[in-house]
Amino acid sequence: MAQHTLSVLVENSPGVLARVASLFSRRGYNIDSLAVGPTENPAISRMTIVLNLEGHALDQVSAQLFKLVNVIGIQEMKPEDSRQRELLMVKVKNSPQDRTSIAALVAQYKGEIVGETPASLTIETVGTSKDLAELLTELNKFGVKELVQSGLIAIEDGDVTLVERTLKETGLASSESHSQTEDYQN
């Protein structure tokens, strides 16, 4: 199976996340990563969904997603045409003999130590999924106590925004036309 990253523009309204998540659940597809946040327009939120699917299944998912009334637009974010990042925060055991090595390793991955106690160091970094996995492998040697990792977020390279592309391709003037229609799929 291949990994696909979808950016989905949705109305910023209650229940949208639940409807999108239930679409995947009903079809037995697992979401590897899901991040949701605001956009430059307060009426629109952006979901970044990472899935492991083959071509036909991806087409089906996209078609079903677009049928949801609250979905405004969908774009697959190809790694070669976009910037994709995740946030990692991790606590590792702190020992005087390892502190310098940990700091050098963290700096190599463009991270920083954001908290320190006699027993632990809290590290924060942003990077690609691959870079963060490599960093975690190295940090495991020092003793990972706790970690939290965000879902992937992505933005397409170039001047055109996802909203502009969506409005151009679908002819939608705004998301208001969607919000005036009830979602009968729930």
N, C-alpha and C. Protein backbone atom coordinates (compact mmCIF):
# COMPACT_ATOMS: atom_id res chain seq x y z
N MET A 1 0.84 -1.19 0.00
CA MET A 1 0.00 0.00 0.00
C MET A 1 0.87 1.24 0.00
N ALA A 2 0.35 2.30 -0.56
CA ALA A 2 1.08 3.55 -0.64
C ALA A 2 0.49 4.58 0.32
N GLN A 3 1.36 5.41 0.85
CA GLN A 3 0.90 6.46 1.77
C GLN A 3 0.48 7.68 0.96
N HIS A 4 -0.68 8.23 1.31
CA HIS A 4 -1.23 9.41 0.64
C HIS A 4 -1.58 10.45 1.68
N THR A 5 -1.30 11.70 1.35
CA THR A 5 -1.63 12.82 2.23
C THR A 5 -2.69 13.66 1.54
N LEU A 6 -3.84 13.80 2.19
CA LEU A 6 -4.93 14.60 1.65
C LEU A 6 -5.10 15.86 2.48
N SER A 7 -5.20 17.00 1.81
CA SER A 7 -5.60 18.23 2.47
C SER A 7 -7.06 18.45 2.11
N VAL A 8 -7.88 18.60 3.13
CA VAL A 8 -9.32 18.71 2.93
C VAL A 8 -9.79 20.02 3.56
N LEU A 9 -10.39 20.87 2.75
CA LEU A 9 -10.99 22.10 3.26
C LEU A 9 -12.43 21.79 3.65
N VAL A 10 -12.79 22.17 4.88
CA VAL A 10 -14.14 21.90 5.38
C VAL A 10 -14.69 23.16 6.03
N GLU A 11 -16.01 23.18 6.14
CA GLU A 11 -16.64 24.27 6.88
C GLU A 11 -16.21 24.17 8.34
N ASN A 12 -15.98 25.28 8.97
CA ASN A 12 -15.62 25.32 10.38
C ASN A 12 -16.92 25.30 11.19
N SER A 13 -17.46 24.10 11.38
CA SER A 13 -18.71 23.97 12.11
C SER A 13 -18.70 22.68 12.93
N PRO A 14 -19.52 22.62 13.98
CA PRO A 14 -19.53 21.44 14.84
C PRO A 14 -19.94 20.18 14.08
N GLY A 15 -19.29 19.06 14.40
CA GLY A 15 -19.65 17.78 13.84
C GLY A 15 -18.94 17.38 12.56
N VAL A 16 -18.23 18.31 11.93
CA VAL A 16 -17.57 18.00 10.65
C VAL A 16 -16.50 16.94 10.84
N LEU A 17 -15.67 17.09 11.85
CA LEU A 17 -14.61 16.11 12.10
C LEU A 17 -15.21 14.72 12.33
N ALA A 18 -16.28 14.65 13.10
CA ALA A 18 -16.92 13.36 13.37
C ALA A 18 -17.46 12.73 12.08
N ARG A 19 -18.05 13.54 11.21
CA ARG A 19 -18.58 13.01 9.95
C ARG A 19 -17.46 12.48 9.05
N VAL A 20 -16.36 13.23 8.99
CA VAL A 20 -15.23 12.79 8.16
C VAL A 20 -14.62 11.51 8.73
N ALA A 21 -14.39 11.48 10.03
CA ALA A 21 -13.80 10.30 10.66
C ALA A 21 -14.71 9.08 10.51
N SER A 22 -16.01 9.28 10.64
CA SER A 22 -16.93 8.14 10.53
C SER A 22 -16.98 7.60 9.11
N LEU A 23 -16.75 8.44 8.12
CA LEU A 23 -16.68 7.98 6.73
C LEU A 23 -15.59 6.93 6.58
N PHE A 24 -14.42 7.19 7.17
CA PHE A 24 -13.31 6.23 7.10
C PHE A 24 -13.63 4.98 7.92
N SER A 25 -14.19 5.17 9.08
CA SER A 25 -14.52 4.06 9.97
C SER A 25 -15.53 3.11 9.32
N ARG A 26 -16.57 3.65 8.71
CA ARG A 26 -17.60 2.83 8.07
C ARG A 26 -17.03 1.97 6.95
N ARG A 27 -15.99 2.46 6.31
CA ARG A 27 -15.40 1.72 5.18
C ARG A 27 -14.21 0.86 5.60
N GLY A 28 -13.88 0.87 6.89
CA GLY A 28 -12.81 0.04 7.40
C GLY A 28 -11.41 0.53 7.06
N TYR A 29 -11.27 1.82 6.77
CA TYR A 29 -9.96 2.39 6.47
C TYR A 29 -9.38 3.02 7.72
N ASN A 30 -8.09 2.81 7.92
CA ASN A 30 -7.41 3.39 9.07
C ASN A 30 -6.78 4.72 8.70
N ILE A 31 -6.93 5.70 9.54
CA ILE A 31 -6.28 6.99 9.37
C ILE A 31 -4.96 6.92 10.11
N ASP A 32 -3.84 7.07 9.39
CA ASP A 32 -2.52 7.04 10.01
C ASP A 32 -2.24 8.31 10.79
N SER A 33 -2.72 9.43 10.27
CA SER A 33 -2.48 10.72 10.91
C SER A 33 -3.61 11.66 10.53
N LEU A 34 -4.01 12.49 11.48
CA LEU A 34 -5.07 13.46 11.24
C LEU A 34 -4.75 14.73 12.01
N ALA A 35 -4.66 15.83 11.30
CA ALA A 35 -4.44 17.13 11.93
C ALA A 35 -5.49 18.09 11.41
N VAL A 36 -6.08 18.86 12.30
CA VAL A 36 -7.12 19.82 11.92
C VAL A 36 -6.77 21.17 12.52
N GLY A 37 -6.94 22.21 11.74
CA GLY A 37 -6.67 23.54 12.25
C GLY A 37 -7.33 24.61 11.42
N PRO A 38 -7.23 25.84 11.90
CA PRO A 38 -7.85 26.97 11.19
C PRO A 38 -7.09 27.31 9.91
N THR A 39 -7.73 28.07 9.06
CA THR A 39 -7.10 28.62 7.86
C THR A 39 -7.13 30.13 7.96
N GLU A 40 -6.72 30.79 6.89
CA GLU A 40 -6.76 32.25 6.85
C GLU A 40 -8.20 32.78 6.87
N ASN A 41 -9.17 31.91 6.57
CA ASN A 41 -10.58 32.26 6.58
C ASN A 41 -11.22 31.59 7.80
N PRO A 42 -11.76 32.35 8.75
CA PRO A 42 -12.32 31.74 9.97
C PRO A 42 -13.51 30.81 9.72
N ALA A 43 -14.11 30.86 8.55
CA ALA A 43 -15.24 29.99 8.24
C ALA A 43 -14.78 28.63 7.72
N ILE A 44 -13.48 28.48 7.46
CA ILE A 44 -12.95 27.26 6.86
C ILE A 44 -11.85 26.67 7.74
N SER A 45 -11.90 25.35 7.93
CA SER A 45 -10.82 24.63 8.61
C SER A 45 -10.15 23.74 7.57
N ARG A 46 -8.94 23.32 7.90
CA ARG A 46 -8.18 22.45 6.99
C ARG A 46 -7.79 21.19 7.73
N MET A 47 -8.12 20.05 7.14
CA MET A 47 -7.74 18.75 7.69
C MET A 47 -6.62 18.20 6.83
N THR A 48 -5.62 17.66 7.47
CA THR A 48 -4.58 16.93 6.76
C THR A 48 -4.69 15.48 7.21
N ILE A 49 -5.01 14.60 6.26
CA ILE A 49 -5.28 13.20 6.56
C ILE A 49 -4.25 12.34 5.84
N VAL A 50 -3.58 11.47 6.59
CA VAL A 50 -2.60 10.56 6.00
C VAL A 50 -3.18 9.15 6.04
N LEU A 51 -3.21 8.50 4.88
CA LEU A 51 -3.80 7.16 4.73
C LEU A 51 -2.84 6.26 3.97
N ASN A 52 -2.93 4.96 4.22
CA ASN A 52 -2.22 3.96 3.42
C ASN A 52 -3.28 3.24 2.60
N LEU A 53 -3.37 3.60 1.32
CA LEU A 53 -4.38 3.04 0.42
C LEU A 53 -3.79 2.85 -0.96
N GLU A 54 -4.41 2.00 -1.73
CA GLU A 54 -4.05 1.85 -3.14
C GLU A 54 -4.92 2.79 -3.96
N GLY A 55 -4.57 2.96 -5.22
CA GLY A 55 -5.19 3.94 -6.12
C GLY A 55 -6.70 3.96 -6.14
N HIS A 56 -7.34 2.80 -6.38
CA HIS A 56 -8.80 2.77 -6.49
C HIS A 56 -9.47 3.13 -5.17
N ALA A 57 -8.94 2.61 -4.07
CA ALA A 57 -9.50 2.93 -2.75
C ALA A 57 -9.36 4.42 -2.46
N LEU A 58 -8.24 5.02 -2.86
CA LEU A 58 -8.05 6.46 -2.66
C LEU A 58 -9.08 7.25 -3.46
N ASP A 59 -9.34 6.83 -4.68
CA ASP A 59 -10.35 7.51 -5.51
C ASP A 59 -11.73 7.41 -4.85
N GLN A 60 -12.05 6.24 -4.31
CA GLN A 60 -13.33 6.05 -3.64
C GLN A 60 -13.45 6.95 -2.41
N VAL A 61 -12.39 6.98 -1.60
CA VAL A 61 -12.39 7.81 -0.40
C VAL A 61 -12.58 9.28 -0.76
N SER A 62 -11.84 9.73 -1.76
CA SER A 62 -11.95 11.13 -2.19
C SER A 62 -13.36 11.44 -2.67
N ALA A 63 -13.94 10.55 -3.45
CA ALA A 63 -15.30 10.76 -3.95
C ALA A 63 -16.30 10.81 -2.80
N GLN A 64 -16.16 9.89 -1.84
CA GLN A 64 -17.07 9.87 -0.70
C GLN A 64 -16.89 11.11 0.18
N LEU A 65 -15.65 11.51 0.37
CA LEU A 65 -15.39 12.73 1.16
C LEU A 65 -16.07 13.93 0.52
N PHE A 66 -15.92 14.04 -0.80
CA PHE A 66 -16.46 15.21 -1.49
C PHE A 66 -17.98 15.24 -1.45
N LYS A 67 -18.61 14.07 -1.24
CA LYS A 67 -20.07 14.03 -1.13
C LYS A 67 -20.57 14.62 0.19
N LEU A 68 -19.70 14.67 1.20
CA LEU A 68 -20.11 15.27 2.47
C LEU A 68 -20.35 16.75 2.24
N VAL A 69 -21.49 17.23 2.69
CA VAL A 69 -21.88 18.61 2.43
C VAL A 69 -20.85 19.60 2.99
N ASN A 70 -20.26 19.30 4.12
CA ASN A 70 -19.35 20.25 4.76
C ASN A 70 -17.96 20.28 4.13
N VAL A 71 -17.68 19.40 3.19
CA VAL A 71 -16.38 19.38 2.52
C VAL A 71 -16.40 20.35 1.35
N ILE A 72 -15.43 21.25 1.33
CA ILE A 72 -15.35 22.29 0.31
C ILE A 72 -14.39 21.88 -0.81
N GLY A 73 -13.27 21.25 -0.44
CA GLY A 73 -12.29 20.86 -1.45
C GLY A 73 -11.32 19.83 -0.92
N ILE A 74 -10.73 19.06 -1.84
CA ILE A 74 -9.78 18.01 -1.49
C ILE A 74 -8.61 18.09 -2.46
N GLN A 75 -7.41 17.97 -1.91
CA GLN A 75 -6.20 17.98 -2.75
C GLN A 75 -5.22 16.97 -2.17
N GLU A 76 -4.70 16.08 -3.02
CA GLU A 76 -3.64 15.20 -2.56
C GLU A 76 -2.34 16.00 -2.56
N MET A 77 -1.61 15.91 -1.45
CA MET A 77 -0.35 16.63 -1.32
C MET A 77 0.79 15.66 -1.60
N LYS A 78 1.35 15.75 -2.77
CA LYS A 78 2.47 14.88 -3.16
C LYS A 78 3.74 15.39 -2.48
N PRO A 79 4.56 14.50 -1.94
CA PRO A 79 5.77 14.93 -1.23
C PRO A 79 6.70 15.82 -2.07
N GLU A 80 6.77 15.55 -3.36
CA GLU A 80 7.68 16.33 -4.22
C GLU A 80 7.15 17.73 -4.54
N ASP A 81 5.85 17.97 -4.27
CA ASP A 81 5.25 19.28 -4.58
C ASP A 81 4.76 20.02 -3.35
N SER A 82 5.18 19.58 -2.16
CA SER A 82 4.67 20.21 -0.95
C SER A 82 5.70 20.13 0.17
N ARG A 83 5.44 20.89 1.21
CA ARG A 83 6.23 20.84 2.45
C ARG A 83 5.39 20.10 3.47
N GLN A 84 5.95 19.03 4.03
CA GLN A 84 5.22 18.21 4.99
C GLN A 84 6.03 18.10 6.27
N ARG A 85 5.40 18.45 7.40
CA ARG A 85 6.11 18.45 8.67
C ARG A 85 5.23 17.93 9.80
N GLU A 86 5.91 17.47 10.85
CA GLU A 86 5.27 17.07 12.10
C GLU A 86 6.03 17.70 13.26
N LEU A 87 5.36 17.81 14.38
CA LEU A 87 5.97 18.31 15.61
C LEU A 87 6.18 17.12 16.54
N LEU A 88 7.36 17.07 17.15
CA LEU A 88 7.68 16.02 18.12
C LEU A 88 8.12 16.68 19.42
N MET A 89 7.54 16.23 20.52
CA MET A 89 8.00 16.61 21.85
C MET A 89 8.27 15.31 22.58
N VAL A 90 9.46 15.23 23.18
CA VAL A 90 9.87 13.97 23.81
C VAL A 90 10.67 14.25 25.07
N LYS A 91 10.42 13.45 26.10
CA LYS A 91 11.20 13.51 27.33
C LYS A 91 12.16 12.33 27.34
N VAL A 92 13.42 12.63 27.60
CA VAL A 92 14.44 11.57 27.73
C VAL A 92 15.08 11.68 29.11
N LYS A 93 15.66 10.59 29.55
CA LYS A 93 16.36 10.59 30.83
C LYS A 93 17.54 11.55 30.76
N ASN A 94 17.71 12.30 31.81
CA ASN A 94 18.81 13.27 31.89
C ASN A 94 19.89 12.71 32.81
N SER A 95 21.08 12.62 32.28
CA SER A 95 22.22 12.24 33.12
C SER A 95 23.38 13.16 32.72
N PRO A 96 24.19 13.57 33.68
CA PRO A 96 25.29 14.49 33.38
C PRO A 96 26.21 14.00 32.26
N GLN A 97 26.47 12.69 32.19
CA GLN A 97 27.38 12.18 31.17
C GLN A 97 26.75 12.18 29.76
N ASP A 98 25.41 12.20 29.66
CA ASP A 98 24.75 12.15 28.35
C ASP A 98 24.24 13.51 27.87
N ARG A 99 24.18 14.49 28.74
CA ARG A 99 23.57 15.79 28.39
C ARG A 99 24.19 16.40 27.14
N THR A 100 25.50 16.44 27.04
CA THR A 100 26.18 17.03 25.89
C THR A 100 25.87 16.27 24.61
N SER A 101 25.89 14.96 24.68
CA SER A 101 25.58 14.13 23.51
C SER A 101 24.14 14.33 23.04
N ILE A 102 23.22 14.41 23.99
CA ILE A 102 21.81 14.62 23.65
C ILE A 102 21.64 15.99 23.01
N ALA A 103 22.25 17.02 23.59
CA ALA A 103 22.14 18.37 23.04
C ALA A 103 22.68 18.44 21.61
N ALA A 104 23.81 17.78 21.35
CA ALA A 104 24.39 17.77 20.00
C ALA A 104 23.46 17.04 19.02
N LEU A 105 22.90 15.93 19.46
CA LEU A 105 21.98 15.17 18.61
C LEU A 105 20.74 15.99 18.27
N VAL A 106 20.18 16.63 19.27
CA VAL A 106 18.98 17.45 19.09
C VAL A 106 19.28 18.61 18.12
N ALA A 107 20.42 19.24 18.28
CA ALA A 107 20.81 20.34 17.38
C ALA A 107 20.96 19.85 15.95
N GLN A 108 21.46 18.64 15.78
CA GLN A 108 21.63 18.05 14.44
C GLN A 108 20.28 17.94 13.73
N TYR A 109 19.21 17.72 14.49
CA TYR A 109 17.87 17.60 13.93
C TYR A 109 17.08 18.90 14.06
N LYS A 110 17.77 20.00 14.26
CA LYS A 110 17.18 21.34 14.34
C LYS A 110 16.13 21.46 15.44
N GLY A 111 16.37 20.74 16.53
CA GLY A 111 15.47 20.81 17.67
C GLY A 111 16.10 21.61 18.79
N GLU A 112 15.38 21.67 19.89
CA GLU A 112 15.94 22.35 21.06
C GLU A 112 15.44 21.69 22.33
N ILE A 113 16.23 21.85 23.37
CA ILE A 113 15.83 21.39 24.69
C ILE A 113 15.02 22.52 25.30
N VAL A 114 13.73 22.24 25.56
CA VAL A 114 12.83 23.28 26.04
C VAL A 114 12.51 23.16 27.52
N GLY A 115 12.96 22.07 28.14
CA GLY A 115 12.74 21.89 29.56
C GLY A 115 13.78 20.94 30.12
N GLU A 116 14.18 21.22 31.37
CA GLU A 116 15.20 20.38 31.99
C GLU A 116 14.95 20.26 33.48
N THR A 117 14.99 19.02 33.94
CA THR A 117 14.96 18.73 35.38
C THR A 117 16.15 17.81 35.64
N PRO A 118 16.47 17.56 36.89
CA PRO A 118 17.58 16.63 37.15
C PRO A 118 17.34 15.24 36.55
N ALA A 119 16.07 14.85 36.36
CA ALA A 119 15.78 13.50 35.87
C ALA A 119 15.45 13.42 34.38
N SER A 120 15.08 14.56 33.75
CA SER A 120 14.67 14.47 32.34
C SER A 120 14.96 15.75 31.56
N LEU A 121 15.05 15.57 30.25
CA LEU A 121 15.16 16.68 29.30
C LEU A 121 13.93 16.61 28.40
N THR A 122 13.30 17.75 28.17
CA THR A 122 12.17 17.81 27.24
C THR A 122 12.68 18.45 25.96
N ILE A 123 12.48 17.75 24.86
CA ILE A 123 12.99 18.15 23.56
C ILE A 123 11.83 18.45 22.64
N GLU A 124 12.00 19.47 21.83
CA GLU A 124 10.98 19.84 20.85
C GLU A 124 11.66 20.02 19.50
N THR A 125 11.05 19.45 18.46
CA THR A 125 11.58 19.64 17.10
C THR A 125 10.46 19.47 16.08
N VAL A 126 10.68 20.06 14.93
CA VAL A 126 9.77 19.95 13.80
C VAL A 126 10.56 19.36 12.64
N GLY A 127 9.94 18.42 11.93
CA GLY A 127 10.65 17.84 10.79
C GLY A 127 9.76 16.90 9.99
N THR A 128 10.37 16.26 9.01
CA THR A 128 9.65 15.27 8.23
C THR A 128 9.44 14.04 9.09
N SER A 129 8.51 13.21 8.69
CA SER A 129 8.25 11.97 9.43
C SER A 129 9.51 11.11 9.51
N LYS A 130 10.25 11.06 8.42
CA LYS A 130 11.48 10.26 8.37
C LYS A 130 12.52 10.80 9.35
N ASP A 131 12.73 12.12 9.36
CA ASP A 131 13.71 12.72 10.27
C ASP A 131 13.33 12.49 11.73
N LEU A 132 12.06 12.62 12.04
CA LEU A 132 11.63 12.43 13.43
C LEU A 132 11.79 10.97 13.86
N ALA A 133 11.52 10.05 12.94
CA ALA A 133 11.73 8.63 13.25
C ALA A 133 13.20 8.35 13.52
N GLU A 134 14.09 8.93 12.71
CA GLU A 134 15.53 8.75 12.93
C GLU A 134 15.96 9.32 14.28
N LEU A 135 15.47 10.52 14.59
CA LEU A 135 15.80 11.14 15.88
C LEU A 135 15.34 10.27 17.03
N LEU A 136 14.12 9.76 16.95
CA LEU A 136 13.60 8.90 18.02
C LEU A 136 14.44 7.64 18.19
N THR A 137 14.90 7.07 17.10
CA THR A 137 15.77 5.89 17.18
C THR A 137 17.03 6.22 17.97
N GLU A 138 17.61 7.37 17.69
CA GLU A 138 18.82 7.80 18.40
C GLU A 138 18.53 8.13 19.86
N LEU A 139 17.40 8.77 20.12
CA LEU A 139 17.06 9.15 21.50
C LEU A 139 16.73 7.94 22.37
N ASN A 140 16.25 6.87 21.74
CA ASN A 140 15.95 5.65 22.49
C ASN A 140 17.17 5.12 23.23
N LYS A 141 18.35 5.40 22.72
CA LYS A 141 19.59 4.95 23.37
C LYS A 141 19.79 5.62 24.73
N PHE A 142 19.18 6.80 24.91
CA PHE A 142 19.31 7.54 26.17
C PHE A 142 18.15 7.27 27.12
N GLY A 143 17.09 6.64 26.62
CA GLY A 143 15.94 6.32 27.46
C GLY A 143 14.80 7.31 27.29
N VAL A 144 13.92 7.02 26.35
CA VAL A 144 12.73 7.86 26.14
C VAL A 144 11.74 7.56 27.26
N LYS A 145 11.31 8.62 27.95
CA LYS A 145 10.35 8.48 29.04
C LYS A 145 8.92 8.71 28.57
N GLU A 146 8.78 9.64 27.62
CA GLU A 146 7.44 10.00 27.15
C GLU A 146 7.60 10.74 25.82
N LEU A 147 6.62 10.55 24.94
CA LEU A 147 6.66 11.32 23.70
C LEU A 147 5.26 11.61 23.22
N VAL A 148 5.15 12.70 22.49
CA VAL A 148 3.91 13.07 21.83
C VAL A 148 4.30 13.62 20.47
N GLN A 149 3.56 13.21 19.45
CA GLN A 149 3.87 13.63 18.10
C GLN A 149 2.58 14.08 17.43
N SER A 150 2.64 15.23 16.77
CA SER A 150 1.46 15.74 16.10
C SER A 150 1.20 14.95 14.83
N GLY A 151 0.06 15.17 14.25
CA GLY A 151 -0.20 14.63 12.92
C GLY A 151 0.55 15.48 11.90
N LEU A 152 0.69 14.92 10.74
CA LEU A 152 1.37 15.59 9.64
C LEU A 152 0.54 16.78 9.17
N ILE A 153 1.21 17.88 8.86
CA ILE A 153 0.57 19.00 8.17
C ILE A 153 1.35 19.23 6.89
N ALA A 154 0.67 19.76 5.88
CA ALA A 154 1.31 19.94 4.58
C ALA A 154 0.77 21.18 3.91
N ILE A 155 1.64 21.82 3.14
CA ILE A 155 1.24 22.96 2.33
C ILE A 155 1.91 22.81 0.97
N GLU A 156 1.15 23.08 -0.06
CA GLU A 156 1.65 22.92 -1.43
C GLU A 156 2.63 24.03 -1.77
N ASP A 157 3.68 23.68 -2.51
CA ASP A 157 4.63 24.68 -2.99
C ASP A 157 3.95 25.57 -4.03
N GLY A 158 4.47 26.77 -4.21
CA GLY A 158 3.96 27.66 -5.25
C GLY A 158 3.08 28.76 -4.70
N ASP A 159 2.58 29.57 -5.61
CA ASP A 159 1.81 30.76 -5.25
C ASP A 159 0.32 30.50 -5.04
N VAL A 160 -0.24 29.50 -5.70
CA VAL A 160 -1.67 29.25 -5.62
C VAL A 160 -2.00 28.53 -4.32
N THR A 161 -3.02 29.00 -3.64
CA THR A 161 -3.45 28.37 -2.39
C THR A 161 -4.48 27.28 -2.67
N LEU A 162 -4.69 26.42 -1.70
CA LEU A 162 -5.68 25.36 -1.85
C LEU A 162 -7.08 25.95 -2.01
N VAL A 163 -7.37 27.01 -1.29
CA VAL A 163 -8.68 27.66 -1.41
C VAL A 163 -8.86 28.21 -2.83
N GLU A 164 -7.84 28.89 -3.34
CA GLU A 164 -7.93 29.44 -4.70
C GLU A 164 -8.13 28.33 -5.73
N ARG A 165 -7.36 27.25 -5.59
CA ARG A 165 -7.47 26.13 -6.52
C ARG A 165 -8.87 25.51 -6.45
N THR A 166 -9.37 25.35 -5.25
CA THR A 166 -10.69 24.74 -5.06
C THR A 166 -11.78 25.60 -5.67
N LEU A 167 -11.73 26.89 -5.41
CA LEU A 167 -12.74 27.79 -5.96
C LEU A 167 -12.70 27.82 -7.48
N LYS A 168 -11.49 27.77 -8.03
CA LYS A 168 -11.33 27.79 -9.49
C LYS A 168 -11.86 26.50 -10.11
N GLU A 169 -11.53 25.34 -9.50
CA GLU A 169 -11.90 24.05 -10.07
C GLU A 169 -13.37 23.71 -9.87
N THR A 170 -13.95 24.14 -8.74
CA THR A 170 -15.34 23.77 -8.46
C THR A 170 -16.32 24.86 -8.83
N GLY A 171 -15.82 26.08 -8.99
CA GLY A 171 -16.71 27.18 -9.31
C GLY A 171 -17.48 27.70 -8.12
N LEU A 172 -17.14 27.25 -6.92
CA LEU A 172 -17.85 27.71 -5.73
C LEU A 172 -17.43 29.12 -5.40
N ALA A 173 -18.39 29.94 -5.10
CA ALA A 173 -18.08 31.32 -4.74
C ALA A 173 -17.63 31.42 -3.30
N SER A 174 -18.23 30.60 -2.44
CA SER A 174 -17.85 30.60 -1.03
C SER A 174 -18.40 29.34 -0.39
N SER A 175 -18.05 29.15 0.86
CA SER A 175 -18.56 27.98 1.57
C SER A 175 -19.99 28.18 2.05
N GLU A 176 -20.54 29.40 1.90
CA GLU A 176 -21.89 29.67 2.39
C GLU A 176 -22.93 28.80 1.68
N SER A 177 -22.70 28.52 0.39
CA SER A 177 -23.65 27.70 -0.34
C SER A 177 -23.73 26.29 0.25
N HIS A 178 -22.63 25.79 0.83
CA HIS A 178 -22.64 24.48 1.47
C HIS A 178 -23.40 24.51 2.78
N SER A 179 -23.23 25.55 3.56
CA SER A 179 -23.82 25.56 4.89
C SER A 179 -25.33 25.72 4.84
N GLN A 180 -25.89 26.11 3.68
CA GLN A 180 -27.33 26.27 3.57
C GLN A 180 -28.02 24.95 3.27
N THR A 181 -27.24 23.89 3.04
CA THR A 181 -27.78 22.58 2.73
C THR A 181 -27.58 21.67 3.92
N GLU A 182 -28.59 20.90 4.25
CA GLU A 182 -28.44 19.96 5.37
C GLU A 182 -27.65 18.75 4.93
N ASP A 183 -26.93 18.16 5.86
CA ASP A 183 -26.15 16.96 5.59
C ASP A 183 -27.01 15.75 5.92
N TYR A 184 -27.56 15.11 4.88
CA TYR A 184 -28.48 13.99 5.08
C TYR A 184 -27.77 12.66 5.28
N GLN A 185 -26.43 12.67 5.29
CA GLN A 185 -25.71 11.41 5.38
C GLN A 185 -25.53 10.95 6.81
N ASN A 186 -26.01 11.67 7.77
CA ASN A 186 -25.82 11.27 9.18
C ASN A 186 -27.12 10.88 9.83
